[in-house]
């Protein structure tokens, strides 16, 4: 986890704050920004209005799935 605690969860369809550590085991991606407002702006810039994974374009779904496959298991 980076110094930025904000992630977008595509299973729950909402932002999560992991300032006390990652607690969600669903499908999420790290967002840029050190405030919730900045993180939500990054989410909108990268993923538009998509709230859930299946609302993303297929090309973005594949990119996220490939990136997830390359990540180390979360501790």
N, C-alpha and C. Protein backbone atom coordinates (compact mmCIF):
# COMPACT_ATOMS: atom_id res chain seq x y z
N UNK A 1 0.87 -1.18 0.00
CA UNK A 1 0.00 0.00 0.00
C UNK A 1 0.90 1.23 0.00
N UNK A 2 0.49 2.22 -0.72
CA UNK A 2 1.24 3.47 -0.77
C UNK A 2 0.81 4.38 0.37
N UNK A 3 1.37 5.60 0.38
CA UNK A 3 0.96 6.59 1.37
C UNK A 3 -0.48 7.05 1.14
N UNK A 4 -0.98 6.79 -0.05
CA UNK A 4 -2.35 7.16 -0.39
C UNK A 4 -3.29 6.02 0.01
N UNK A 5 -4.23 6.27 0.90
CA UNK A 5 -5.08 5.18 1.39
C UNK A 5 -6.33 4.93 0.56
N UNK A 6 -6.54 5.67 -0.54
CA UNK A 6 -7.82 5.59 -1.25
C UNK A 6 -7.79 4.60 -2.41
N UNK A 7 -8.82 3.80 -2.49
CA UNK A 7 -9.00 2.84 -3.57
C UNK A 7 -10.46 2.89 -4.02
N UNK A 8 -10.69 2.47 -5.27
CA UNK A 8 -12.06 2.30 -5.74
C UNK A 8 -12.35 0.81 -5.78
N UNK A 9 -13.43 0.40 -5.13
CA UNK A 9 -13.83 -1.00 -5.09
C UNK A 9 -14.90 -1.23 -6.15
N UNK A 10 -14.58 -2.05 -7.14
CA UNK A 10 -15.52 -2.34 -8.21
C UNK A 10 -16.54 -3.40 -7.83
N UNK A 11 -16.38 -4.07 -6.71
CA UNK A 11 -17.40 -4.99 -6.22
C UNK A 11 -18.45 -4.24 -5.40
N UNK A 12 -18.00 -3.35 -4.54
CA UNK A 12 -18.93 -2.59 -3.70
C UNK A 12 -19.41 -1.31 -4.38
N UNK A 13 -18.71 -0.88 -5.43
CA UNK A 13 -19.12 0.30 -6.19
C UNK A 13 -18.93 1.59 -5.43
N UNK A 14 -17.85 1.65 -4.64
CA UNK A 14 -17.62 2.86 -3.84
C UNK A 14 -16.15 2.99 -3.48
N UNK A 15 -15.80 4.17 -2.98
CA UNK A 15 -14.43 4.43 -2.54
C UNK A 15 -14.23 3.82 -1.16
N UNK A 16 -13.02 3.32 -0.94
CA UNK A 16 -12.64 2.83 0.39
C UNK A 16 -11.41 3.61 0.85
N UNK A 17 -11.29 3.75 2.14
CA UNK A 17 -10.13 4.40 2.75
C UNK A 17 -9.40 3.35 3.58
N UNK A 18 -8.18 3.04 3.17
CA UNK A 18 -7.38 2.02 3.84
C UNK A 18 -6.32 2.65 4.74
N UNK A 19 -6.61 3.77 5.35
CA UNK A 19 -5.61 4.44 6.18
C UNK A 19 -5.19 3.57 7.37
N UNK A 20 -6.03 2.64 7.77
CA UNK A 20 -5.69 1.70 8.85
C UNK A 20 -5.31 0.33 8.31
N UNK A 21 -5.05 0.24 7.01
CA UNK A 21 -4.70 -1.01 6.37
C UNK A 21 -5.83 -1.52 5.50
N UNK A 22 -5.47 -2.35 4.53
CA UNK A 22 -6.45 -2.91 3.60
C UNK A 22 -7.36 -3.89 4.33
N UNK A 23 -8.66 -3.68 4.24
CA UNK A 23 -9.62 -4.54 4.91
C UNK A 23 -10.61 -5.19 3.95
N UNK A 24 -10.66 -4.70 2.71
CA UNK A 24 -11.59 -5.23 1.72
C UNK A 24 -10.86 -6.25 0.86
N UNK A 25 -11.44 -7.42 0.70
CA UNK A 25 -10.82 -8.47 -0.10
C UNK A 25 -11.46 -8.58 -1.48
N UNK A 26 -12.31 -7.62 -1.84
CA UNK A 26 -12.97 -7.62 -3.14
C UNK A 26 -12.06 -7.00 -4.20
N UNK A 27 -12.60 -6.69 -5.36
CA UNK A 27 -11.85 -6.18 -6.50
C UNK A 27 -11.73 -4.67 -6.39
N UNK A 28 -10.52 -4.16 -6.10
CA UNK A 28 -10.31 -2.72 -5.99
C UNK A 28 -9.02 -2.31 -6.69
N UNK A 29 -8.93 -1.00 -7.01
CA UNK A 29 -7.73 -0.43 -7.63
C UNK A 29 -7.31 0.81 -6.85
N UNK A 30 -6.01 1.01 -6.76
CA UNK A 30 -5.45 2.17 -6.08
C UNK A 30 -5.80 3.43 -6.86
N UNK A 31 -6.14 4.50 -6.14
CA UNK A 31 -6.42 5.79 -6.75
C UNK A 31 -5.31 6.78 -6.39
N UNK A 32 -5.07 7.74 -7.27
CA UNK A 32 -4.10 8.80 -7.01
C UNK A 32 -4.78 9.90 -6.19
N UNK A 33 -4.00 10.60 -5.41
CA UNK A 33 -4.52 11.72 -4.62
C UNK A 33 -4.40 11.43 -3.14
N UNK A 34 -4.21 12.48 -2.38
CA UNK A 34 -4.06 12.32 -0.93
C UNK A 34 -5.30 12.69 -0.15
N UNK A 35 -6.34 13.14 -0.87
CA UNK A 35 -7.63 13.42 -0.23
C UNK A 35 -8.70 12.63 -0.97
N UNK A 36 -9.84 12.47 -0.35
CA UNK A 36 -10.93 11.75 -1.00
C UNK A 36 -11.37 12.47 -2.28
N UNK A 37 -11.39 13.79 -2.24
CA UNK A 37 -11.79 14.57 -3.42
C UNK A 37 -10.83 14.32 -4.58
N UNK A 38 -9.52 14.34 -4.30
CA UNK A 38 -8.53 14.07 -5.34
C UNK A 38 -8.66 12.64 -5.86
N UNK A 39 -8.88 11.70 -4.96
CA UNK A 39 -9.02 10.30 -5.35
C UNK A 39 -10.26 10.09 -6.23
N UNK A 40 -11.36 10.73 -5.88
CA UNK A 40 -12.58 10.61 -6.70
C UNK A 40 -12.39 11.26 -8.07
N UNK A 41 -11.61 12.33 -8.13
CA UNK A 41 -11.31 12.95 -9.42
C UNK A 41 -10.47 12.00 -10.28
N UNK A 42 -9.51 11.31 -9.68
CA UNK A 42 -8.71 10.32 -10.40
C UNK A 42 -9.59 9.18 -10.90
N UNK A 43 -10.49 8.71 -10.05
CA UNK A 43 -11.41 7.65 -10.45
C UNK A 43 -12.24 8.08 -11.66
N UNK A 44 -12.79 9.29 -11.60
CA UNK A 44 -13.61 9.80 -12.71
C UNK A 44 -12.79 9.94 -13.99
N UNK A 45 -11.55 10.40 -13.86
CA UNK A 45 -10.67 10.56 -15.01
C UNK A 45 -10.33 9.22 -15.64
N UNK A 46 -10.05 8.22 -14.83
CA UNK A 46 -9.62 6.91 -15.33
C UNK A 46 -10.77 5.99 -15.73
N UNK A 47 -11.88 6.05 -14.99
CA UNK A 47 -12.95 5.07 -15.18
C UNK A 47 -14.32 5.68 -15.47
N UNK A 48 -14.37 7.00 -15.57
CA UNK A 48 -15.64 7.66 -15.89
C UNK A 48 -16.70 7.39 -14.84
N UNK A 49 -17.92 7.16 -15.31
CA UNK A 49 -19.06 6.95 -14.42
C UNK A 49 -19.20 5.50 -13.96
N UNK A 50 -18.32 4.61 -14.43
CA UNK A 50 -18.43 3.20 -14.06
C UNK A 50 -18.34 3.05 -12.55
N UNK A 51 -19.34 2.43 -11.99
CA UNK A 51 -19.35 2.18 -10.55
C UNK A 51 -18.89 0.75 -10.27
N UNK A 52 -19.29 -0.16 -11.13
CA UNK A 52 -18.96 -1.58 -10.97
C UNK A 52 -18.14 -2.06 -12.16
N UNK A 53 -17.41 -3.14 -11.96
CA UNK A 53 -16.49 -3.69 -12.96
C UNK A 53 -17.17 -3.93 -14.30
N UNK A 54 -18.37 -4.48 -14.29
CA UNK A 54 -19.03 -4.81 -15.55
C UNK A 54 -19.52 -3.58 -16.31
N UNK A 55 -19.42 -2.40 -15.71
CA UNK A 55 -19.78 -1.17 -16.39
C UNK A 55 -18.59 -0.55 -17.13
N UNK A 56 -17.41 -1.13 -16.94
CA UNK A 56 -16.21 -0.65 -17.64
C UNK A 56 -16.19 -1.19 -19.06
N UNK A 57 -15.56 -0.45 -20.00
CA UNK A 57 -15.35 -1.02 -21.33
C UNK A 57 -14.53 -2.31 -21.21
N UNK A 58 -14.77 -3.24 -22.11
CA UNK A 58 -14.09 -4.54 -22.05
C UNK A 58 -12.58 -4.38 -22.08
N UNK A 59 -12.07 -3.43 -22.85
CA UNK A 59 -10.62 -3.23 -22.91
C UNK A 59 -10.05 -2.85 -21.54
N UNK A 60 -10.78 -2.04 -20.79
CA UNK A 60 -10.33 -1.63 -19.46
C UNK A 60 -10.45 -2.81 -18.50
N UNK A 61 -11.50 -3.60 -18.63
CA UNK A 61 -11.65 -4.79 -17.79
C UNK A 61 -10.45 -5.72 -17.97
N UNK A 62 -10.04 -5.91 -19.21
CA UNK A 62 -8.89 -6.79 -19.51
C UNK A 62 -7.60 -6.21 -18.93
N UNK A 63 -7.40 -4.89 -19.08
CA UNK A 63 -6.21 -4.25 -18.52
C UNK A 63 -6.15 -4.41 -17.01
N UNK A 64 -7.27 -4.21 -16.34
CA UNK A 64 -7.30 -4.35 -14.88
C UNK A 64 -7.08 -5.80 -14.46
N UNK A 65 -7.67 -6.73 -15.19
CA UNK A 65 -7.50 -8.15 -14.87
C UNK A 65 -6.04 -8.56 -15.05
N UNK A 66 -5.41 -8.09 -16.12
CA UNK A 66 -4.00 -8.40 -16.35
C UNK A 66 -3.12 -7.82 -15.25
N UNK A 67 -3.40 -6.58 -14.85
CA UNK A 67 -2.63 -5.94 -13.77
C UNK A 67 -2.83 -6.69 -12.47
N UNK A 68 -4.04 -7.14 -12.19
CA UNK A 68 -4.33 -7.89 -10.96
C UNK A 68 -3.55 -9.20 -10.95
N UNK A 69 -3.47 -9.87 -12.10
CA UNK A 69 -2.75 -11.14 -12.20
C UNK A 69 -1.25 -10.98 -11.92
N UNK A 70 -0.70 -9.79 -12.22
CA UNK A 70 0.73 -9.55 -12.03
C UNK A 70 1.08 -9.11 -10.60
N UNK A 71 0.09 -8.76 -9.79
CA UNK A 71 0.36 -8.26 -8.45
C UNK A 71 0.69 -9.41 -7.50
N UNK A 72 1.51 -9.06 -6.51
CA UNK A 72 1.80 -9.98 -5.41
C UNK A 72 0.53 -10.14 -4.57
N UNK A 73 0.34 -11.28 -3.98
CA UNK A 73 -0.79 -11.43 -3.04
C UNK A 73 -0.70 -10.39 -1.92
N UNK A 74 -1.83 -9.84 -1.52
CA UNK A 74 -1.85 -8.83 -0.47
C UNK A 74 -1.64 -9.50 0.87
N UNK A 75 -0.87 -8.85 1.71
CA UNK A 75 -0.57 -9.37 3.04
C UNK A 75 -1.55 -8.84 4.05
